[in-house]
Protein backbone atom coordinates (compact mmCIF):
# COMPACT_ATOMS: atom_id res chain seq x y z
CA MET A 1 -39.55 23.24 -3.32
CA LYS A 2 -39.13 26.95 -3.85
CA HIS A 3 -35.68 28.26 -2.96
CA SER A 4 -35.19 31.59 -1.29
CA ALA A 5 -33.70 34.33 -3.43
CA MET A 6 -30.38 34.12 -1.63
CA VAL A 7 -30.10 30.35 -2.16
CA VAL A 8 -30.83 30.78 -5.86
CA VAL A 9 -28.13 33.42 -6.15
CA CYS A 10 -25.68 31.24 -4.24
CA LEU A 11 -26.39 28.29 -6.51
CA LEU A 12 -25.87 30.42 -9.59
CA ILE A 13 -22.55 31.90 -8.53
CA GLY A 14 -21.22 28.57 -7.35
CA VAL A 15 -20.90 29.10 -3.62
CA LEU A 16 -22.50 25.69 -3.12
CA PRO A 17 -21.10 22.59 -4.85
CA CYS A 18 -23.54 20.66 -6.99
CA ALA A 19 -24.21 16.97 -6.43
CA GLY A 20 -22.89 14.21 -8.64
CA ALA A 21 -20.47 14.70 -11.53
CA GLN A 22 -18.90 18.14 -11.48
CA ALA A 23 -17.50 20.40 -14.14
CA GLN A 24 -14.04 20.76 -15.58
CA ALA A 25 -12.96 24.13 -16.90
CA GLN A 26 -11.19 22.74 -19.96
CA SER A 27 -12.77 20.94 -22.91
CA ALA A 28 -10.01 18.31 -23.16
CA PRO A 29 -9.29 16.28 -20.01
CA GLN A 30 -5.99 17.10 -18.33
CA VAL A 31 -4.14 14.30 -16.57
CA ARG A 32 -0.88 14.50 -14.66
CA VAL A 33 0.92 11.24 -13.86
CA GLU A 34 3.14 10.88 -10.81
CA LYS A 35 5.29 7.86 -10.05
CA VAL A 36 4.60 6.70 -6.51
CA ALA A 37 6.70 3.52 -6.37
CA ASP A 38 8.12 1.00 -8.84
CA GLY A 39 5.16 -0.05 -10.95
CA ALA A 40 2.68 2.22 -9.15
CA TYR A 41 1.47 5.58 -10.48
CA ALA A 42 -1.21 8.15 -9.75
CA ALA A 43 -3.06 9.87 -12.63
CA MET A 44 -4.55 13.12 -11.34
CA PRO A 45 -6.53 16.10 -12.64
CA PRO A 46 -5.30 19.66 -12.06
CA ALA A 47 -5.31 20.54 -8.36
CA GLU A 48 -8.10 23.11 -8.71
CA LEU A 49 -10.37 20.38 -10.12
CA ARG A 50 -9.49 17.70 -7.61
CA PHE A 51 -12.92 17.65 -5.94
CA ASP A 52 -14.69 17.52 -9.31
CA GLU A 53 -12.70 14.72 -10.94
CA SER A 54 -11.24 11.62 -9.35
CA ASN A 55 -7.73 10.24 -9.47
CA ALA A 56 -6.86 6.95 -11.10
CA ALA A 57 -4.21 4.60 -9.73
CA ILE A 58 -2.15 2.61 -12.23
CA VAL A 59 -0.41 -0.59 -11.13
CA ILE A 60 1.83 -2.36 -13.67
CA LEU A 61 2.03 -6.09 -12.97
CA GLU A 62 3.89 -8.94 -14.68
CA ASP A 63 1.01 -9.94 -16.93
CA GLY A 64 -0.96 -6.73 -17.28
CA VAL A 65 -2.10 -3.45 -15.76
CA LEU A 66 -4.53 -2.88 -12.92
CA VAL A 67 -6.37 0.47 -12.82
CA VAL A 68 -8.29 1.84 -9.86
CA ASP A 69 -11.29 4.05 -10.80
CA THR A 70 -12.37 5.35 -14.20
CA GLN A 71 -13.41 8.99 -13.63
CA THR A 72 -16.50 10.92 -14.74
CA ALA A 73 -16.69 10.01 -18.41
CA PRO A 74 -15.19 7.84 -21.17
CA SER A 75 -13.19 10.80 -22.54
CA VAL A 76 -11.42 11.25 -19.20
CA ALA A 77 -10.77 7.52 -18.96
CA ARG A 78 -9.28 7.57 -22.45
CA ALA A 79 -6.95 10.39 -21.38
CA VAL A 80 -5.73 8.16 -18.53
CA MET A 81 -5.32 5.23 -20.95
CA ALA A 82 -3.16 7.43 -23.18
CA GLU A 83 -0.86 7.99 -20.21
CA ILE A 84 -0.80 4.26 -19.44
CA ARG A 85 0.39 3.55 -22.98
CA LYS A 86 3.33 5.88 -22.37
CA LEU A 87 4.31 3.74 -19.38
CA THR A 88 3.84 0.23 -20.78
CA ASP A 89 2.57 -1.77 -23.73
CA LYS A 90 0.88 -4.28 -21.41
CA PRO A 91 -2.92 -4.42 -21.60
CA VAL A 92 -5.23 -3.30 -18.82
CA ARG A 93 -6.51 -6.59 -17.40
CA TRP A 94 -8.24 -5.39 -14.24
CA VAL A 95 -10.27 -2.31 -13.34
CA VAL A 96 -11.19 -1.81 -9.68
CA ASN A 97 -14.07 0.53 -8.84
CA SER A 98 -13.42 1.75 -5.30
CA HIS A 99 -17.11 2.64 -4.80
CA TRP A 100 -20.28 3.52 -6.74
CA HIS A 101 -20.02 7.28 -7.24
CA GLY A 102 -20.19 8.37 -10.86
CA ASP A 103 -16.80 10.05 -10.89
CA HIS A 104 -15.25 6.64 -10.17
CA VAL A 105 -17.28 4.37 -12.49
CA GLN A 106 -18.65 6.33 -15.44
CA GLY A 107 -15.53 5.74 -17.55
CA ASN A 108 -15.77 1.93 -17.29
CA SER A 109 -17.10 1.60 -20.83
CA ALA A 110 -13.91 3.14 -22.29
CA TYR A 111 -11.83 0.32 -20.78
CA LYS A 112 -14.30 -2.31 -21.97
CA GLU A 113 -14.04 -0.92 -25.50
CA ALA A 114 -10.23 -0.66 -25.50
CA PHE A 115 -9.55 -3.93 -23.66
CA PRO A 116 -12.40 -6.42 -24.37
CA GLY A 117 -11.03 -9.00 -21.90
CA VAL A 118 -10.72 -6.58 -18.98
CA GLU A 119 -12.21 -7.70 -15.67
CA PHE A 120 -14.08 -5.16 -13.52
CA ILE A 121 -13.83 -5.74 -9.76
CA ALA A 122 -15.68 -4.12 -6.86
CA HIS A 123 -17.28 -4.87 -3.54
CA THR A 124 -20.63 -6.65 -3.72
CA ASN A 125 -22.44 -3.56 -2.39
CA THR A 126 -20.82 -1.38 -5.04
CA ARG A 127 -22.18 -3.50 -7.89
CA GLU A 128 -25.64 -3.21 -6.37
CA ASP A 129 -25.30 0.53 -5.75
CA ILE A 130 -24.16 1.26 -9.32
CA THR A 131 -27.47 -0.19 -10.50
CA GLN A 132 -29.66 1.27 -7.80
CA ARG A 133 -27.95 4.61 -7.19
CA ALA A 134 -25.33 5.61 -9.79
CA ILE A 135 -27.55 5.10 -12.83
CA PRO A 136 -30.52 7.13 -11.51
CA GLN A 137 -28.11 9.69 -10.04
CA LEU A 138 -26.63 10.38 -13.47
CA LYS A 139 -30.09 10.93 -14.94
CA GLU A 140 -30.91 13.29 -12.09
CA ASP A 141 -27.62 15.16 -12.55
CA ILE A 142 -28.17 15.60 -16.28
CA GLU A 143 -31.68 16.93 -15.76
CA GLY A 144 -30.60 19.14 -12.87
CA THR A 145 -27.59 20.59 -14.69
CA ALA A 146 -29.63 21.31 -17.84
CA ALA A 147 -32.27 23.08 -15.73
CA TRP A 148 -29.60 25.03 -13.87
CA LEU A 149 -28.03 26.17 -17.14
CA GLU A 150 -31.39 27.39 -18.36
CA ARG A 151 -31.90 29.45 -15.20
CA ALA A 152 -28.33 30.75 -15.27
CA LYS A 153 -28.53 31.85 -18.91
CA LYS A 154 -31.78 33.66 -18.18
CA ALA A 155 -30.11 35.37 -15.23
CA LEU A 156 -27.27 36.52 -17.48
CA GLU A 157 -29.76 37.91 -20.00
CA THR A 158 -31.80 39.81 -17.41
CA GLY A 159 -29.09 40.53 -14.85
CA GLU A 160 -31.38 39.16 -12.14
CA ALA A 161 -31.96 35.94 -10.20
CA ASP A 162 -35.39 35.44 -8.64
CA GLY A 163 -36.00 39.18 -8.51
CA ARG A 164 -32.60 40.08 -7.09
CA LYS A 165 -30.25 42.16 -9.20
CA LEU A 166 -26.86 40.50 -9.64
CA THR A 167 -23.69 42.51 -9.13
CA GLU A 168 -21.09 42.65 -11.87
CA GLU A 169 -18.87 40.36 -9.82
CA GLN A 170 -21.70 37.85 -9.51
CA LEU A 171 -22.37 37.99 -13.24
CA VAL A 172 -18.72 37.16 -13.91
CA GLN A 173 -18.97 34.21 -11.56
CA VAL A 174 -22.17 32.99 -13.22
CA ARG A 175 -20.53 33.14 -16.67
CA GLY A 176 -17.63 31.05 -15.45
CA ARG A 177 -19.98 28.58 -13.81
CA VAL A 178 -22.02 28.30 -17.03
CA GLU A 179 -18.87 27.48 -18.98
CA ARG A 180 -17.80 24.81 -16.52
CA ARG A 181 -21.23 23.22 -16.17
CA THR A 182 -21.74 23.19 -19.92
CA ALA A 183 -18.54 21.12 -20.16
CA ALA A 184 -19.76 18.92 -17.29
CA LEU A 185 -23.08 18.29 -19.00
CA ALA A 186 -21.29 17.23 -22.17
CA LYS A 187 -19.25 14.72 -20.18
CA MET A 188 -22.29 13.34 -18.42
CA ARG A 189 -24.03 12.86 -21.75
CA GLU A 190 -21.06 10.80 -22.97
CA VAL A 191 -22.06 8.03 -20.57
CA SER A 192 -24.29 5.76 -22.64
CA GLU A 193 -23.49 2.57 -20.72
CA PHE A 194 -22.75 1.62 -17.14
CA VAL A 195 -20.42 -1.37 -17.11
CA LEU A 196 -21.03 -3.38 -13.95
CA PRO A 197 -18.31 -5.24 -12.02
CA SER A 198 -17.84 -8.75 -13.38
CA GLU A 199 -16.23 -9.97 -10.12
CA THR A 200 -17.18 -8.95 -6.62
CA PHE A 201 -15.84 -9.63 -3.13
CA THR A 202 -17.11 -9.17 0.41
CA GLU A 203 -14.11 -8.86 2.75
CA THR A 204 -10.79 -9.30 0.92
CA LEU A 205 -9.58 -10.38 -2.50
CA THR A 206 -6.03 -10.98 -3.73
CA VAL A 207 -5.83 -10.04 -7.40
CA SER A 208 -2.15 -10.78 -7.91
CA GLN A 209 0.61 -12.62 -6.06
CA GLN A 210 3.60 -11.29 -8.06
CA PRO A 211 3.58 -8.62 -6.75
CA VAL A 212 0.78 -8.87 -4.22
CA VAL A 213 -2.30 -6.72 -4.87
CA ARG A 214 -4.86 -7.03 -2.10
CA LEU A 215 -8.35 -5.56 -2.04
CA MET A 216 -9.95 -4.90 1.34
CA HIS A 217 -13.44 -3.75 2.27
CA TYR A 218 -13.93 -0.85 4.68
CA LEU A 219 -16.77 1.51 5.59
CA GLY A 220 -16.90 5.28 5.75
CA HIS A 221 -17.48 6.92 2.39
CA THR A 222 -20.08 4.40 1.17
CA ARG A 223 -21.16 0.90 2.19
CA GLY A 224 -18.92 -0.70 -0.43
CA ASP A 225 -15.54 1.05 -0.17
CA ALA A 226 -12.58 -0.92 -1.50
CA VAL A 227 -8.99 -0.14 -0.52
CA VAL A 228 -6.20 -1.48 -2.74
CA TYR A 229 -3.03 -2.35 -0.84
CA LEU A 230 0.38 -3.01 -2.40
CA PRO A 231 2.40 -4.36 0.55
CA GLU A 232 5.66 -4.85 -1.38
CA ALA A 233 5.55 -1.35 -2.90
CA ARG A 234 4.20 -0.05 0.44
CA VAL A 235 1.44 1.90 -1.30
CA LEU A 236 -2.13 2.36 -0.09
CA ILE A 237 -4.83 3.30 -2.63
CA THR A 238 -7.75 4.50 -0.54
CA GLY A 239 -10.47 5.64 -2.91
CA ASP A 240 -12.45 8.41 -1.20
CA LEU A 241 -11.87 7.15 2.34
CA LEU A 242 -8.84 9.44 2.67
CA ASP A 243 -9.21 12.34 0.25
CA ASP A 244 -7.91 15.84 0.83
CA LEU A 245 -11.34 16.32 2.46
CA PRO A 246 -13.53 13.20 2.66
CA PHE A 247 -17.28 13.22 2.04
CA THR A 248 -19.40 11.00 4.30
CA GLY A 249 -22.92 11.99 3.26
CA HIS A 250 -23.46 8.55 1.71
CA GLY A 251 -21.47 6.65 4.32
CA SER A 252 -20.73 6.80 8.01
CA PRO A 253 -18.56 9.39 9.77
CA LYS A 254 -18.28 7.08 12.78
CA ALA A 255 -17.22 4.10 10.67
CA LEU A 256 -14.71 6.30 8.83
CA VAL A 257 -12.89 7.04 12.09
CA ALA A 258 -12.59 3.31 12.84
CA THR A 259 -11.49 2.63 9.25
CA LEU A 260 -8.72 5.23 9.35
CA ARG A 261 -7.40 3.89 12.62
CA ASP A 262 -7.29 0.41 11.09
CA LEU A 263 -5.55 1.68 7.95
CA GLU A 264 -2.88 3.41 10.02
CA LYS A 265 -1.79 -0.02 11.30
CA LEU A 266 -0.77 -1.08 7.77
CA GLU A 267 2.79 -0.69 6.55
CA PHE A 268 2.85 1.95 3.83
CA ASP A 269 5.08 4.74 2.61
CA ALA A 270 2.63 6.50 0.30
CA ILE A 271 -1.11 7.06 -0.14
CA ILE A 272 -2.92 7.56 -3.44
CA PRO A 273 -6.31 9.07 -2.54
CA GLY A 274 -9.48 9.19 -4.60
CA HIS A 275 -9.17 12.98 -4.80
CA GLY A 276 -6.17 15.16 -4.06
CA ARG A 277 -2.44 14.79 -4.07
CA VAL A 278 -0.23 11.83 -3.24
CA ARG A 279 1.12 11.97 0.29
CA ARG A 280 4.23 10.20 1.48
CA GLY A 281 5.97 9.19 4.68
CA GLU A 282 5.02 10.91 7.92
CA GLU A 283 2.95 13.50 6.05
CA ALA A 284 0.65 10.71 4.84
CA ARG A 285 0.17 9.39 8.35
CA GLU A 286 -0.30 12.87 9.77
CA HIS A 287 -3.03 13.58 7.22
CA LEU A 288 -4.71 10.29 8.09
CA ARG A 289 -4.66 11.22 11.75
CA LYS A 290 -6.03 14.72 11.05
CA VAL A 291 -8.92 13.31 9.02
CA ALA A 292 -9.68 10.84 11.80
CA GLU A 293 -9.51 13.66 14.37
CA LEU A 294 -11.87 15.83 12.31
CA PHE A 295 -14.54 13.17 11.91
CA ASP A 296 -14.17 11.92 15.48
CA SER A 297 -14.84 15.47 16.67
CA ILE A 298 -17.85 15.79 14.35
CA VAL A 299 -19.28 12.49 15.60
CA GLN A 300 -18.77 13.23 19.29
CA GLN A 301 -20.21 16.75 19.08
CA THR A 302 -23.15 15.62 16.95
CA GLU A 303 -23.99 12.71 19.24
CA ALA A 304 -24.00 15.11 22.18
CA ALA A 305 -26.28 17.48 20.27
CA ALA A 306 -28.64 14.64 19.40
CA LYS A 307 -28.84 13.60 23.06
CA GLU A 308 -29.84 17.19 23.90
CA GLY A 309 -32.70 16.79 21.43
CA LEU A 310 -31.28 19.18 18.84
CA SER A 311 -32.33 18.74 15.23
CA SER A 312 -29.84 18.04 12.48
CA ASP A 313 -29.97 21.68 11.35
CA ASP A 314 -29.38 22.92 14.89
CA ALA A 315 -26.53 20.45 15.32
CA LYS A 316 -24.89 21.87 12.19
CA LYS A 317 -24.96 25.30 13.82
CA LYS A 318 -23.51 24.00 17.08
CA VAL A 319 -20.76 21.65 15.89
CA ASP A 320 -17.47 23.57 15.81
CA VAL A 321 -14.43 22.11 14.05
CA SER A 322 -12.89 25.45 13.09
CA ALA A 323 -9.68 24.57 14.97
CA LEU A 324 -8.99 21.88 12.35
CA ARG A 325 -9.99 23.95 9.33
CA ALA A 326 -6.50 25.20 8.46
CA HIS A 327 -5.24 21.70 7.69
CA PHE A 328 -7.96 21.12 5.10
CA VAL A 329 -8.75 24.54 3.62
CA THR A 330 -5.78 25.61 1.55
CA ASP A 331 -7.24 27.07 -1.68
CA ASP A 332 -10.46 28.15 -3.40
CA ALA A 333 -11.57 24.59 -4.15
CA SER A 334 -11.27 23.38 -0.56
CA THR A 335 -12.82 26.63 0.71
CA ARG A 336 -15.83 25.98 -1.51
CA TYR A 337 -16.32 22.45 -0.20
CA TRP A 338 -15.45 22.74 3.49
CA ASN A 339 -18.82 23.88 4.85
CA PHE A 340 -20.74 21.54 2.56
CA PHE A 341 -18.72 18.43 3.45
CA VAL A 342 -18.72 19.19 7.19
CA GLY A 343 -22.46 19.88 7.07
CA GLU A 344 -23.13 16.59 5.30
CA ALA A 345 -21.02 14.75 7.88
CA VAL A 346 -22.99 16.31 10.72
CA ALA A 347 -26.30 15.42 9.05
CA ARG A 348 -25.21 11.81 8.56
CA ALA A 349 -23.79 11.54 12.09
CA HIS A 350 -27.03 12.96 13.46
CA GLN A 351 -29.05 10.38 11.51
CA GLU A 352 -26.85 7.57 12.86
CA ALA A 353 -27.09 8.86 16.43
CA THR A 354 -30.87 9.23 16.18
CA GLU A 355 -31.31 5.75 14.76
CA ALA A 356 -29.05 4.29 17.45
CA GLY A 357 -31.12 6.02 20.14
CA LYS A 358 -34.26 4.30 18.89
CA GLN A 359 -32.77 0.82 19.24
């Protein structure tokens, strides 16, 4: 498909986020560890990279360590493991993949290499989706990023993109994007092996009794989302069901609303999300409610648009959630992703509404 000149320029200067594994500005992974409760920690990338790289949750148990999610590449996973070794000399015995997306599973091999007896756990659908979706997605991302870099470098040499002259400001943005995507491509190419979950579950799974670590299946972000609940520490590890700004293009906006309302009934004092900062107390619950409100509004408006016979593209133009924008858009990173994530939610909600109307 031939892109319009404006779309090509937008892609080059980074107005639109790319699919799959994203770039990090630094060559060496940066990880910040925050204690959330006794024995529970969050390992997070710099805030400006929070939509490009996932968090890891670290849970120190009596007989070993449980880790939730393994980031975009083995090098990033090894950076998290270095932080774990500062906390404890216990081995990592369990790795939970909250869902199939590459930025949550592509570092699995680093844990397998460092801890040969480690057990990888995920929902049954996640194991299937790693094989059917994550592996081909990585190949597509590598090819797409390499092609993008070739176009971008040519644009820098000629000062033009598809016949349009780039401004000096745009050239600066393209150079920065080239640097970041070059680093991203290197990380993607690190992934020589996808380690599949060795144990799967369908509804719930209790990994430990002392203290209790419970895995629970919900829908919203993907069809195999796993939430890790620590009832004694009162910590909820949500994966991407409750990020700073959740993505539902591969899941269900409608199901996400129901999931968040169910999660609010649990007793917790802190939330470790898949992306973004740790939230505590009433702020955590308020964020949960805001996310539910956002997606409920998207679903209701999109369903109404579908009933009027509007296309997905027309629904995107009509759905208005600007009143909620201020809660989610707080910096350049969230500004960059807001329209994309909302647009993907509308498209998915429209697909669900259309399919429901045919039944």
